[in-house]
Amino acid sequence: MARAKTTYVVEWAVTARDDLDEIIGYILARDPLNALKVNDTIEAQASTLDHMPHRGRIVPELKFHGVINYHELLIGPWRLMYRIEGDAVWVVSLLDGRRQLADLLLERFLRW
């Protein structure tokens, strides 16, 4: 019996890295020690996607529209969204789960 692939490479898209930098920058201005803790937690959780990346749920707002190739991990109030492509797991965004996804995406698109 063939064994399923067990190790993936976790990559961060530029937009996701920018999201993380923005979140940490916001926290850093108010509580530097907590900013380090939050950064370490998010990075550590993202790195676990190298094993069993399908464990994250499919992003519900996308699933509603038939898009089922984006998953997410919930890390505190944040939603780490990613896509599995071959041997890689691409982290594509890190968003505040307390806000509506449509509002966050609109803000992102208006910045461009």
N, C-alpha and C. Protein backbone atom coordinates (compact mmCIF):
# COMPACT_ATOMS: atom_id res chain seq x y z
N MET A 1 0.84 -1.18 0.00
CA MET A 1 0.00 0.00 0.00
C MET A 1 0.89 1.24 0.00
N ALA A 2 0.58 2.19 -0.87
CA ALA A 2 1.38 3.41 -0.97
C ALA A 2 1.11 4.31 0.23
N ARG A 3 2.17 4.94 0.67
CA ARG A 3 2.05 5.87 1.80
C ARG A 3 1.75 7.26 1.30
N ALA A 4 0.90 7.96 1.99
CA ALA A 4 0.58 9.34 1.63
C ALA A 4 1.78 10.23 1.96
N LYS A 5 1.90 11.31 1.20
CA LYS A 5 2.96 12.27 1.45
C LYS A 5 2.80 12.82 2.86
N THR A 6 3.91 12.93 3.59
CA THR A 6 3.80 13.37 4.98
C THR A 6 4.47 14.71 5.25
N THR A 7 5.28 15.21 4.33
CA THR A 7 5.97 16.48 4.59
C THR A 7 5.77 17.44 3.43
N TYR A 8 5.40 18.66 3.76
CA TYR A 8 5.21 19.73 2.79
C TYR A 8 6.13 20.89 3.17
N VAL A 9 6.40 21.73 2.20
CA VAL A 9 7.17 22.95 2.45
C VAL A 9 6.15 24.07 2.67
N VAL A 10 6.28 24.80 3.76
CA VAL A 10 5.37 25.91 4.05
C VAL A 10 6.01 27.20 3.54
N GLU A 11 5.31 27.87 2.62
CA GLU A 11 5.77 29.12 2.02
C GLU A 11 4.77 30.23 2.37
N TRP A 12 5.28 31.44 2.51
CA TRP A 12 4.41 32.59 2.77
C TRP A 12 4.37 33.47 1.53
N ALA A 13 3.17 33.76 1.04
CA ALA A 13 3.01 34.74 -0.03
C ALA A 13 3.33 36.12 0.54
N VAL A 14 3.73 37.02 -0.33
CA VAL A 14 4.08 38.38 0.11
C VAL A 14 2.91 39.02 0.86
N THR A 15 1.70 38.85 0.35
CA THR A 15 0.54 39.46 1.02
C THR A 15 0.35 38.92 2.43
N ALA A 16 0.58 37.64 2.62
CA ALA A 16 0.44 37.04 3.95
C ALA A 16 1.52 37.57 4.89
N ARG A 17 2.74 37.68 4.39
CA ARG A 17 3.83 38.21 5.21
C ARG A 17 3.54 39.66 5.57
N ASP A 18 2.97 40.42 4.62
CA ASP A 18 2.58 41.80 4.91
C ASP A 18 1.49 41.85 5.98
N ASP A 19 0.54 40.92 5.89
CA ASP A 19 -0.52 40.85 6.92
C ASP A 19 0.09 40.62 8.30
N LEU A 20 1.02 39.67 8.38
CA LEU A 20 1.66 39.37 9.67
C LEU A 20 2.42 40.60 10.17
N ASP A 21 3.17 41.25 9.30
CA ASP A 21 3.92 42.44 9.70
C ASP A 21 3.00 43.54 10.22
N GLU A 22 1.85 43.71 9.56
CA GLU A 22 0.89 44.73 9.99
C GLU A 22 0.31 44.41 11.36
N ILE A 23 -0.05 43.16 11.57
CA ILE A 23 -0.60 42.73 12.86
C ILE A 23 0.43 42.92 13.97
N ILE A 24 1.64 42.46 13.73
CA ILE A 24 2.69 42.55 14.75
C ILE A 24 3.05 44.01 15.01
N GLY A 25 3.10 44.82 13.96
CA GLY A 25 3.38 46.25 14.13
C GLY A 25 2.34 46.93 15.01
N TYR A 26 1.08 46.59 14.80
CA TYR A 26 0.00 47.16 15.59
C TYR A 26 0.16 46.78 17.07
N ILE A 27 0.41 45.50 17.32
CA ILE A 27 0.56 45.03 18.70
C ILE A 27 1.84 45.59 19.32
N LEU A 28 2.90 45.67 18.54
CA LEU A 28 4.20 46.14 19.02
C LEU A 28 4.11 47.55 19.60
N ALA A 29 3.29 48.40 18.97
CA ALA A 29 3.15 49.78 19.44
C ALA A 29 2.49 49.85 20.82
N ARG A 30 1.76 48.82 21.18
CA ARG A 30 1.03 48.82 22.44
C ARG A 30 1.63 47.92 23.51
N ASP A 31 2.22 46.80 23.06
CA ASP A 31 2.72 45.80 24.01
C ASP A 31 3.82 44.97 23.34
N PRO A 32 5.07 45.44 23.37
CA PRO A 32 6.15 44.75 22.67
C PRO A 32 6.33 43.28 23.05
N LEU A 33 6.21 42.96 24.31
CA LEU A 33 6.38 41.55 24.71
C LEU A 33 5.28 40.67 24.13
N ASN A 34 4.06 41.18 24.12
CA ASN A 34 2.96 40.42 23.55
C ASN A 34 3.14 40.27 22.03
N ALA A 35 3.69 41.29 21.40
CA ALA A 35 3.92 41.22 19.95
C ALA A 35 4.85 40.06 19.61
N LEU A 36 5.90 39.89 20.40
CA LEU A 36 6.82 38.77 20.17
C LEU A 36 6.12 37.43 20.38
N LYS A 37 5.30 37.36 21.41
CA LYS A 37 4.58 36.13 21.71
C LYS A 37 3.61 35.78 20.58
N VAL A 38 2.86 36.78 20.12
CA VAL A 38 1.90 36.56 19.03
C VAL A 38 2.62 36.14 17.76
N ASN A 39 3.72 36.81 17.44
CA ASN A 39 4.48 36.45 16.24
C ASN A 39 4.96 35.00 16.33
N ASP A 40 5.53 34.64 17.47
CA ASP A 40 6.03 33.27 17.65
C ASP A 40 4.90 32.24 17.54
N THR A 41 3.74 32.56 18.10
CA THR A 41 2.60 31.64 18.05
C THR A 41 2.13 31.44 16.61
N ILE A 42 1.98 32.54 15.88
CA ILE A 42 1.51 32.45 14.50
C ILE A 42 2.51 31.69 13.64
N GLU A 43 3.78 32.03 13.77
CA GLU A 43 4.82 31.35 12.99
C GLU A 43 4.86 29.85 13.33
N ALA A 44 4.74 29.52 14.61
CA ALA A 44 4.79 28.12 15.02
C ALA A 44 3.59 27.34 14.48
N GLN A 45 2.41 27.94 14.56
CA GLN A 45 1.22 27.27 14.04
C GLN A 45 1.29 27.10 12.53
N ALA A 46 1.77 28.10 11.83
CA ALA A 46 1.92 28.00 10.37
C ALA A 46 2.89 26.89 10.01
N SER A 47 3.96 26.77 10.77
CA SER A 47 4.97 25.76 10.46
C SER A 47 4.44 24.33 10.62
N THR A 48 3.38 24.15 11.42
CA THR A 48 2.81 22.81 11.59
C THR A 48 2.09 22.32 10.34
N LEU A 49 1.88 23.22 9.40
CA LEU A 49 1.21 22.82 8.15
C LEU A 49 2.10 21.93 7.29
N ASP A 50 3.36 21.76 7.69
CA ASP A 50 4.23 20.85 6.93
C ASP A 50 3.78 19.40 7.07
N HIS A 51 2.93 19.13 8.03
CA HIS A 51 2.34 17.80 8.22
C HIS A 51 0.81 17.96 8.29
N MET A 52 0.11 17.15 7.60
CA MET A 52 -1.36 17.13 7.60
C MET A 52 -2.00 18.49 7.34
N PRO A 53 -1.66 19.16 6.25
CA PRO A 53 -2.24 20.48 6.00
C PRO A 53 -3.74 20.44 5.71
N HIS A 54 -4.26 19.28 5.33
CA HIS A 54 -5.70 19.19 5.04
C HIS A 54 -6.56 19.26 6.31
N ARG A 55 -5.91 19.29 7.48
CA ARG A 55 -6.69 19.33 8.72
C ARG A 55 -7.41 20.66 8.90
N GLY A 56 -6.92 21.72 8.29
CA GLY A 56 -7.60 23.02 8.39
C GLY A 56 -8.92 22.98 7.64
N ARG A 57 -9.89 23.69 8.17
CA ARG A 57 -11.19 23.69 7.50
C ARG A 57 -11.12 24.46 6.19
N ILE A 58 -12.03 24.15 5.29
CA ILE A 58 -12.15 24.92 4.05
C ILE A 58 -12.76 26.26 4.43
N VAL A 59 -12.26 27.35 3.85
CA VAL A 59 -12.75 28.69 4.18
C VAL A 59 -14.25 28.74 3.86
N PRO A 60 -15.11 28.90 4.88
CA PRO A 60 -16.56 28.80 4.68
C PRO A 60 -17.12 29.78 3.64
N GLU A 61 -16.63 31.01 3.65
CA GLU A 61 -17.15 32.01 2.71
C GLU A 61 -16.84 31.63 1.27
N LEU A 62 -15.73 30.94 1.06
CA LEU A 62 -15.37 30.50 -0.28
C LEU A 62 -16.09 29.20 -0.64
N LYS A 63 -16.22 28.32 0.33
CA LYS A 63 -16.93 27.05 0.11
C LYS A 63 -18.36 27.32 -0.35
N PHE A 64 -18.97 28.34 0.20
CA PHE A 64 -20.34 28.73 -0.17
C PHE A 64 -20.44 28.97 -1.67
N HIS A 65 -19.34 29.44 -2.27
CA HIS A 65 -19.32 29.73 -3.71
C HIS A 65 -18.67 28.60 -4.52
N GLY A 66 -18.45 27.46 -3.88
CA GLY A 66 -17.90 26.31 -4.58
C GLY A 66 -16.38 26.28 -4.66
N VAL A 67 -15.71 27.21 -4.00
CA VAL A 67 -14.25 27.25 -3.99
C VAL A 67 -13.78 26.45 -2.78
N ILE A 68 -13.17 25.29 -3.04
CA ILE A 68 -12.83 24.39 -1.93
C ILE A 68 -11.33 24.13 -1.79
N ASN A 69 -10.51 24.90 -2.48
CA ASN A 69 -9.07 24.64 -2.41
C ASN A 69 -8.33 25.60 -1.47
N TYR A 70 -9.05 26.35 -0.66
CA TYR A 70 -8.42 27.21 0.35
C TYR A 70 -8.86 26.73 1.73
N HIS A 71 -7.88 26.52 2.57
CA HIS A 71 -8.12 26.07 3.94
C HIS A 71 -7.72 27.18 4.91
N GLU A 72 -8.06 26.99 6.17
CA GLU A 72 -7.64 27.97 7.17
C GLU A 72 -7.43 27.30 8.51
N LEU A 73 -6.50 27.90 9.26
CA LEU A 73 -6.31 27.58 10.67
C LEU A 73 -6.75 28.80 11.45
N LEU A 74 -7.42 28.58 12.56
CA LEU A 74 -7.79 29.67 13.45
C LEU A 74 -6.74 29.74 14.53
N ILE A 75 -6.10 30.90 14.63
CA ILE A 75 -5.03 31.12 15.60
C ILE A 75 -5.42 32.35 16.41
N GLY A 76 -5.96 32.14 17.59
CA GLY A 76 -6.48 33.27 18.36
C GLY A 76 -7.58 33.92 17.53
N PRO A 77 -7.57 35.25 17.42
CA PRO A 77 -8.60 35.91 16.63
C PRO A 77 -8.28 35.96 15.13
N TRP A 78 -7.18 35.35 14.72
CA TRP A 78 -6.75 35.47 13.32
C TRP A 78 -7.06 34.22 12.52
N ARG A 79 -7.27 34.44 11.24
CA ARG A 79 -7.54 33.36 10.29
C ARG A 79 -6.34 33.27 9.34
N LEU A 80 -5.60 32.19 9.44
CA LEU A 80 -4.46 31.95 8.57
C LEU A 80 -4.98 31.11 7.40
N MET A 81 -5.06 31.72 6.22
CA MET A 81 -5.61 31.05 5.04
C MET A 81 -4.49 30.56 4.16
N TYR A 82 -4.67 29.36 3.62
CA TYR A 82 -3.61 28.76 2.82
C TYR A 82 -4.19 27.85 1.75
N ARG A 83 -3.31 27.54 0.80
CA ARG A 83 -3.65 26.67 -0.32
C ARG A 83 -2.56 25.62 -0.46
N ILE A 84 -2.95 24.40 -0.70
CA ILE A 84 -2.00 23.31 -0.88
C ILE A 84 -1.77 23.14 -2.38
N GLU A 85 -0.50 23.26 -2.79
CA GLU A 85 -0.14 23.13 -4.20
C GLU A 85 1.03 22.16 -4.32
N GLY A 86 0.75 20.95 -4.71
CA GLY A 86 1.81 19.95 -4.85
C GLY A 86 2.48 19.68 -3.52
N ASP A 87 3.80 19.92 -3.47
CA ASP A 87 4.57 19.69 -2.25
C ASP A 87 4.61 20.90 -1.33
N ALA A 88 3.87 21.94 -1.67
CA ALA A 88 3.95 23.19 -0.91
C ALA A 88 2.59 23.57 -0.32
N VAL A 89 2.67 24.22 0.82
CA VAL A 89 1.51 24.85 1.43
C VAL A 89 1.79 26.34 1.38
N TRP A 90 0.96 27.07 0.66
CA TRP A 90 1.14 28.51 0.51
C TRP A 90 0.21 29.25 1.46
N VAL A 91 0.78 29.95 2.43
CA VAL A 91 0.00 30.82 3.30
C VAL A 91 -0.28 32.07 2.47
N VAL A 92 -1.56 32.36 2.24
CA VAL A 92 -1.92 33.46 1.34
C VAL A 92 -2.44 34.69 2.07
N SER A 93 -2.94 34.52 3.28
CA SER A 93 -3.39 35.69 4.03
C SER A 93 -3.53 35.36 5.52
N LEU A 94 -3.47 36.40 6.30
CA LEU A 94 -3.66 36.31 7.75
C LEU A 94 -4.58 37.46 8.12
N LEU A 95 -5.82 37.13 8.42
CA LEU A 95 -6.84 38.15 8.60
C LEU A 95 -7.47 38.09 9.98
N ASP A 96 -8.01 39.22 10.41
CA ASP A 96 -8.68 39.32 11.70
C ASP A 96 -10.04 38.62 11.60
N GLY A 97 -10.18 37.52 12.31
CA GLY A 97 -11.41 36.75 12.28
C GLY A 97 -12.61 37.43 12.91
N ARG A 98 -12.39 38.55 13.58
CA ARG A 98 -13.50 39.27 14.20
C ARG A 98 -14.19 40.18 13.20
N ARG A 99 -13.60 40.27 12.02
CA ARG A 99 -14.17 41.14 10.98
C ARG A 99 -14.72 40.31 9.84
N GLN A 100 -15.60 40.90 9.08
CA GLN A 100 -16.19 40.22 7.93
C GLN A 100 -15.14 40.08 6.83
N LEU A 101 -15.04 38.88 6.28
CA LEU A 101 -14.05 38.62 5.23
C LEU A 101 -14.26 39.54 4.03
N ALA A 102 -15.50 39.77 3.64
CA ALA A 102 -15.78 40.64 2.49
C ALA A 102 -15.24 42.05 2.73
N ASP A 103 -15.42 42.57 3.94
CA ASP A 103 -14.91 43.91 4.26
C ASP A 103 -13.39 43.96 4.19
N LEU A 104 -12.73 42.93 4.71
CA LEU A 104 -11.27 42.89 4.69
C LEU A 104 -10.73 42.81 3.26
N LEU A 105 -11.37 42.00 2.44
CA LEU A 105 -10.92 41.89 1.05
C LEU A 105 -11.16 43.19 0.29
N LEU A 106 -12.28 43.85 0.53
CA LEU A 106 -12.54 45.14 -0.11
C LEU A 106 -11.47 46.15 0.27
N GLU A 107 -11.13 46.23 1.55
CA GLU A 107 -10.06 47.14 1.99
C GLU A 107 -8.76 46.82 1.28
N ARG A 108 -8.45 45.54 1.17
CA ARG A 108 -7.20 45.12 0.52
C ARG A 108 -7.19 45.56 -0.95
N PHE A 109 -8.28 45.33 -1.64
CA PHE A 109 -8.33 45.67 -3.06
C PHE A 109 -8.30 47.17 -3.28
N LEU A 110 -8.89 47.94 -2.38
CA LEU A 110 -8.89 49.39 -2.52
C LEU A 110 -7.50 49.98 -2.27
N ARG A 111 -6.66 49.27 -1.52
CA ARG A 111 -5.29 49.76 -1.27
C ARG A 111 -4.43 49.67 -2.52
N TRP A 112 -4.76 48.74 -3.41
CA TRP A 112 -3.93 48.54 -4.60
C TRP A 112 -4.22 49.62 -5.54
